[in-house]
Amino acid sequence: MEYTKTLFIGDSIVKGIAPDNGRYKVLDDSYYNKFTEAVFSPTENKGRFGLTSEKLLRNIEKLRNNDADVIFFSIGGNDCNLNWKEISENPESEHLPVVTKSAFERNLVEIYNFFNETGTNVIAMNFPPLHAEKFFTYLSKDLNSLNILKWLGTISRIYYHHEAYNSIFESVTRSFNIDMIDIRSRFLREDNLDNLISIDGMHPSKEGHELIYREISNHLLYTAVQLQKVLNLRSRERVLR
């Protein structure tokens, strides 16, 4: 891994945060920390707790002159969040996510346009899956869980709502031909999904971060091999000429 500088941009999952005894803290064994131990080049983590696509766009000009050779990018988990306290108190009312689906899609397009304009090499990472049952239990512990369930209709709606935002992320990313690591599918292929997601149902556990780190490493190794094959092919073509 010989990148000049690697920058990670995203939310609290990128930051490496997970719940611990009722509080959130950065894991010592986060995938970012594992990555920094494995590479010899400088790295920087701009993951932020609560970061949404709108907040990123408001400050994206700060990235214009960044010196990163590659950016790992993931956003959207906070965009789809809802005000569960308000839902708990008013289950009959309409409640919108922090960023609507249409706004999230527009924001992603603007973000990727900015990356293209600045010539940034981006590797996107989609969302780890939400564990709906854990998430519901965690968010409703100090709220009226019956009212929240009344508004939801079914707990599984939490998963599908999160999945919709992930689908938007994947679709927009592919439309820009941006390289993407499919973290979500890798999680879902595991038989021990419960162990990969923390008690809050949304942040990966220590084991989940280990899995993400392995996927990033595998992706970079595969990319390096493919690049070497292309270079070897071009060398042979020059010899044949």
Protein backbone atom coordinates (compact mmCIF):
# COMPACT_ATOMS: atom_id res chain seq x y z
CA MET A 1 0.00 0.00 0.00
CA GLU A 2 2.02 2.97 -1.25
CA TYR A 3 -0.44 5.84 -1.22
CA THR A 4 1.03 9.26 -0.53
CA LYS A 5 -1.76 10.09 1.91
CA THR A 6 -5.05 8.41 2.70
CA LEU A 7 -8.07 10.34 3.96
CA PHE A 8 -11.22 8.82 5.47
CA ILE A 9 -14.43 10.88 5.31
CA GLY A 10 -17.77 9.93 6.81
CA ASP A 11 -19.84 9.49 9.94
CA SER A 12 -19.25 7.86 13.32
CA ILE A 13 -18.72 4.42 11.77
CA VAL A 14 -15.79 5.86 9.82
CA LYS A 15 -14.63 7.54 13.02
CA GLY A 16 -14.65 4.14 14.72
CA ILE A 17 -17.23 4.88 17.40
CA ALA A 18 -19.17 2.18 19.21
CA PRO A 19 -21.24 2.05 22.42
CA ASP A 20 -19.46 1.07 25.63
CA ASN A 21 -21.22 0.90 29.01
CA GLY A 22 -23.86 3.41 27.97
CA ARG A 23 -21.45 5.82 26.30
CA TYR A 24 -19.94 6.12 22.84
CA LYS A 25 -16.19 5.92 22.41
CA VAL A 26 -13.67 5.35 19.63
CA LEU A 27 -12.63 1.71 19.47
CA ASP A 28 -8.92 1.00 19.86
CA ASP A 29 -9.41 -1.76 17.28
CA SER A 30 -11.41 0.28 14.77
CA TYR A 31 -10.81 -0.53 11.10
CA TYR A 32 -9.19 2.88 10.66
CA ASN A 33 -6.68 2.24 13.47
CA LYS A 34 -5.92 -1.18 12.00
CA PHE A 35 -5.38 0.46 8.61
CA THR A 36 -2.96 3.04 10.00
CA GLU A 37 -0.91 0.25 11.59
CA ALA A 38 -0.70 -1.61 8.27
CA VAL A 39 0.44 1.22 5.98
CA PHE A 40 3.62 3.29 5.95
CA SER A 41 2.03 6.40 4.44
CA PRO A 42 0.25 9.15 6.42
CA THR A 43 -3.47 8.80 7.08
CA GLU A 44 -6.15 11.13 8.42
CA ASN A 45 -9.63 10.39 9.74
CA LYS A 46 -12.29 13.05 9.20
CA GLY A 47 -15.12 10.80 10.37
CA ARG A 48 -17.55 12.79 12.50
CA PHE A 49 -20.28 11.72 14.88
CA GLY A 50 -23.64 12.82 13.41
CA LEU A 51 -22.23 13.84 10.03
CA THR A 52 -24.83 14.00 7.25
CA SER A 53 -24.52 14.69 3.54
CA GLU A 54 -25.87 18.21 4.13
CA LYS A 55 -23.30 18.98 6.84
CA LEU A 56 -20.53 17.66 4.61
CA LEU A 57 -21.66 19.81 1.70
CA ARG A 58 -21.67 22.93 3.86
CA ASN A 59 -17.99 22.41 4.60
CA ILE A 60 -16.79 20.59 1.51
CA GLU A 61 -14.74 23.52 0.21
CA LYS A 62 -12.29 22.81 3.02
CA LEU A 63 -11.35 19.68 1.09
CA ARG A 64 -10.51 21.50 -2.14
CA ASN A 65 -6.79 21.74 -1.46
CA ASN A 66 -6.38 18.50 0.44
CA ASP A 67 -3.23 16.55 -0.37
CA ALA A 68 -4.75 13.07 -0.10
CA ASP A 69 -3.91 10.63 -2.85
CA VAL A 70 -7.07 8.64 -2.13
CA ILE A 71 -10.22 9.24 -0.08
CA PHE A 72 -12.29 6.49 1.48
CA PHE A 73 -15.83 7.84 1.62
CA SER A 74 -19.09 6.77 3.26
CA ILE A 75 -22.14 8.83 4.22
CA GLY A 76 -25.86 8.37 4.76
CA GLY A 77 -26.40 6.49 8.01
CA ASN A 78 -27.30 9.72 9.82
CA ASP A 79 -29.27 11.12 6.89
CA CYS A 80 -31.91 8.43 7.27
CA ASN A 81 -32.27 8.86 11.04
CA LEU A 82 -35.53 10.10 12.55
CA ASN A 83 -36.46 12.05 15.67
CA TRP A 84 -37.55 9.06 17.74
CA LYS A 85 -38.49 11.19 20.73
CA GLU A 86 -40.99 13.14 18.64
CA ILE A 87 -42.31 9.90 17.16
CA SER A 88 -42.68 8.50 20.66
CA GLU A 89 -44.70 11.52 21.74
CA ASN A 90 -46.76 11.93 18.55
CA PRO A 91 -47.17 8.61 16.74
CA GLU A 92 -50.12 9.89 14.72
CA SER A 93 -48.12 12.68 13.08
CA GLU A 94 -45.93 12.65 9.99
CA HIS A 95 -42.22 12.42 10.73
CA LEU A 96 -39.48 12.95 8.17
CA PRO A 97 -35.89 11.72 8.30
CA VAL A 98 -33.03 14.13 8.97
CA VAL A 99 -32.41 14.27 5.21
CA THR A 100 -35.11 13.04 2.85
CA LYS A 101 -34.30 10.43 0.22
CA SER A 102 -34.53 12.90 -2.65
CA ALA A 103 -32.32 15.43 -0.84
CA PHE A 104 -29.80 12.70 0.01
CA GLU A 105 -29.57 11.74 -3.65
CA ARG A 106 -29.07 15.37 -4.72
CA ASN A 107 -26.42 15.89 -2.04
CA LEU A 108 -24.50 12.80 -3.14
CA VAL A 109 -24.48 14.04 -6.73
CA GLU A 110 -23.06 17.38 -5.58
CA ILE A 111 -20.43 15.68 -3.42
CA TYR A 112 -19.27 13.41 -6.24
CA ASN A 113 -19.28 16.33 -8.69
CA PHE A 114 -16.97 18.15 -6.28
CA PHE A 115 -14.66 15.14 -6.04
CA ASN A 116 -14.57 14.89 -9.84
CA GLU A 117 -13.91 18.60 -10.21
CA THR A 118 -10.97 18.45 -7.80
CA GLY A 119 -9.60 15.27 -9.38
CA THR A 120 -9.93 13.30 -6.16
CA ASN A 121 -9.44 9.55 -6.26
CA VAL A 122 -12.39 8.18 -4.26
CA ILE A 123 -13.14 4.71 -2.97
CA ALA A 124 -16.68 4.53 -1.61
CA MET A 125 -17.90 2.17 1.10
CA ASN A 126 -21.58 1.33 1.44
CA PHE A 127 -23.39 0.90 4.77
CA PRO A 128 -23.03 -2.02 7.15
CA PRO A 129 -26.56 -3.42 7.68
CA LEU A 130 -28.74 -2.17 10.50
CA HIS A 131 -29.83 -4.73 13.10
CA ALA A 132 -33.49 -3.69 13.43
CA GLU A 133 -34.30 -5.52 16.67
CA LYS A 134 -31.21 -4.25 18.50
CA PHE A 135 -31.75 -0.76 17.13
CA PHE A 136 -35.40 -0.66 18.23
CA THR A 137 -34.58 -1.89 21.74
CA TYR A 138 -31.75 0.62 22.13
CA LEU A 139 -33.56 3.70 20.81
CA SER A 140 -36.80 3.04 22.69
CA LYS A 141 -35.37 2.19 26.12
CA ASP A 142 -36.20 5.65 27.54
CA LEU A 143 -39.14 6.34 25.22
CA ASN A 144 -42.63 4.99 24.61
CA SER A 145 -41.80 1.85 22.63
CA LEU A 146 -45.46 1.05 21.94
CA ASN A 147 -46.01 4.45 20.32
CA ILE A 148 -42.86 4.05 18.23
CA LEU A 149 -43.97 0.61 17.11
CA LYS A 150 -47.42 2.03 16.34
CA TRP A 151 -45.83 4.58 14.00
CA LEU A 152 -43.49 2.03 12.44
CA GLY A 153 -46.09 -0.66 11.94
CA THR A 154 -43.37 -3.30 12.16
CA ILE A 155 -39.82 -3.30 13.51
CA SER A 156 -38.50 -4.55 10.16
CA ARG A 157 -39.45 -1.19 8.66
CA ILE A 158 -36.33 0.20 10.35
CA TYR A 159 -34.13 -2.13 8.29
CA TYR A 160 -35.87 -1.40 4.99
CA HIS A 161 -35.75 2.35 5.62
CA HIS A 162 -31.99 2.12 6.15
CA GLU A 163 -31.67 -0.18 3.13
CA ALA A 164 -33.39 2.43 0.92
CA TYR A 165 -30.69 4.99 1.72
CA ASN A 166 -27.97 2.45 1.11
CA SER A 167 -29.53 1.69 -2.28
CA ILE A 168 -29.43 5.39 -3.16
CA PHE A 169 -25.79 5.54 -2.10
CA GLU A 170 -24.90 2.56 -4.27
CA SER A 171 -26.88 3.78 -7.27
CA VAL A 172 -25.37 7.28 -7.28
CA THR A 173 -21.88 5.92 -6.64
CA ARG A 174 -22.14 3.54 -9.60
CA SER A 175 -23.53 6.28 -11.85
CA PHE A 176 -20.25 8.16 -11.31
CA ASN A 177 -18.20 5.00 -11.98
CA ILE A 178 -16.65 5.32 -8.54
CA ASP A 179 -14.93 2.30 -7.06
CA MET A 180 -16.98 0.86 -4.18
CA ILE A 181 -16.24 -1.69 -1.47
CA ASP A 182 -19.39 -3.71 -0.75
CA ILE A 183 -19.21 -3.79 3.05
CA ARG A 184 -22.92 -4.53 3.38
CA SER A 185 -22.92 -7.78 1.43
CA ARG A 186 -19.87 -8.98 3.31
CA PHE A 187 -21.67 -8.47 6.65
CA LEU A 188 -24.82 -10.19 5.42
CA ARG A 189 -22.88 -13.26 4.28
CA GLU A 190 -21.71 -13.89 7.83
CA ASP A 191 -23.58 -16.36 10.04
CA ASN A 192 -22.67 -14.40 13.18
CA LEU A 193 -24.19 -11.06 12.17
CA ASP A 194 -25.30 -10.42 15.77
CA ASN A 195 -21.64 -10.39 16.85
CA LEU A 196 -20.65 -7.94 14.12
CA ILE A 197 -23.06 -5.19 15.18
CA SER A 198 -23.01 -3.43 18.55
CA ILE A 199 -25.79 -3.31 21.10
CA ASP A 200 -27.23 -0.14 19.51
CA GLY A 201 -27.93 -2.02 16.27
CA MET A 202 -26.11 0.41 13.99
CA HIS A 203 -22.41 0.67 14.87
CA PRO A 204 -20.14 -2.25 14.01
CA SER A 205 -18.59 -4.06 16.96
CA LYS A 206 -14.89 -4.80 17.33
CA GLU A 207 -15.49 -7.91 15.21
CA GLY A 208 -17.37 -5.84 12.66
CA HIS A 209 -14.47 -3.42 12.34
CA GLU A 210 -12.11 -6.34 11.84
CA LEU A 211 -14.31 -7.50 8.95
CA ILE A 212 -14.35 -4.02 7.38
CA TYR A 213 -10.57 -3.77 7.69
CA ARG A 214 -10.16 -7.11 5.91
CA GLU A 215 -12.49 -6.00 3.11
CA ILE A 216 -10.52 -2.77 2.61
CA SER A 217 -7.25 -4.71 2.58
CA ASN A 218 -8.59 -7.30 0.13
CA HIS A 219 -9.92 -4.58 -2.14
CA LEU A 220 -6.60 -2.74 -2.25
CA LEU A 221 -4.67 -5.94 -2.86
CA TYR A 222 -7.04 -6.92 -5.68
CA THR A 223 -6.78 -3.45 -7.21
CA ALA A 224 -2.98 -3.61 -7.05
CA VAL A 225 -2.94 -7.03 -8.74
CA GLN A 226 -5.27 -5.84 -11.50
CA LEU A 227 -3.15 -2.73 -12.05
CA GLN A 228 -0.01 -4.85 -12.28
CA LYS A 229 -1.71 -7.09 -14.87
CA VAL A 230 -2.56 -4.03 -16.96
CA LEU A 231 1.00 -2.73 -16.69
CA ASN A 232 2.40 -6.13 -17.65
CA LEU A 233 0.06 -6.32 -20.63
CA ARG A 234 1.11 -2.89 -21.83
CA SER A 235 4.77 -3.87 -21.46
CA ARG A 236 4.25 -6.99 -23.59
CA GLU A 237 2.42 -4.93 -26.22
CA ARG A 238 5.38 -2.56 -26.46
CA VAL A 239 7.75 -5.51 -26.87
CA LEU A 240 5.59 -6.98 -29.66
CA ARG A 241 5.63 -3.70 -31.50
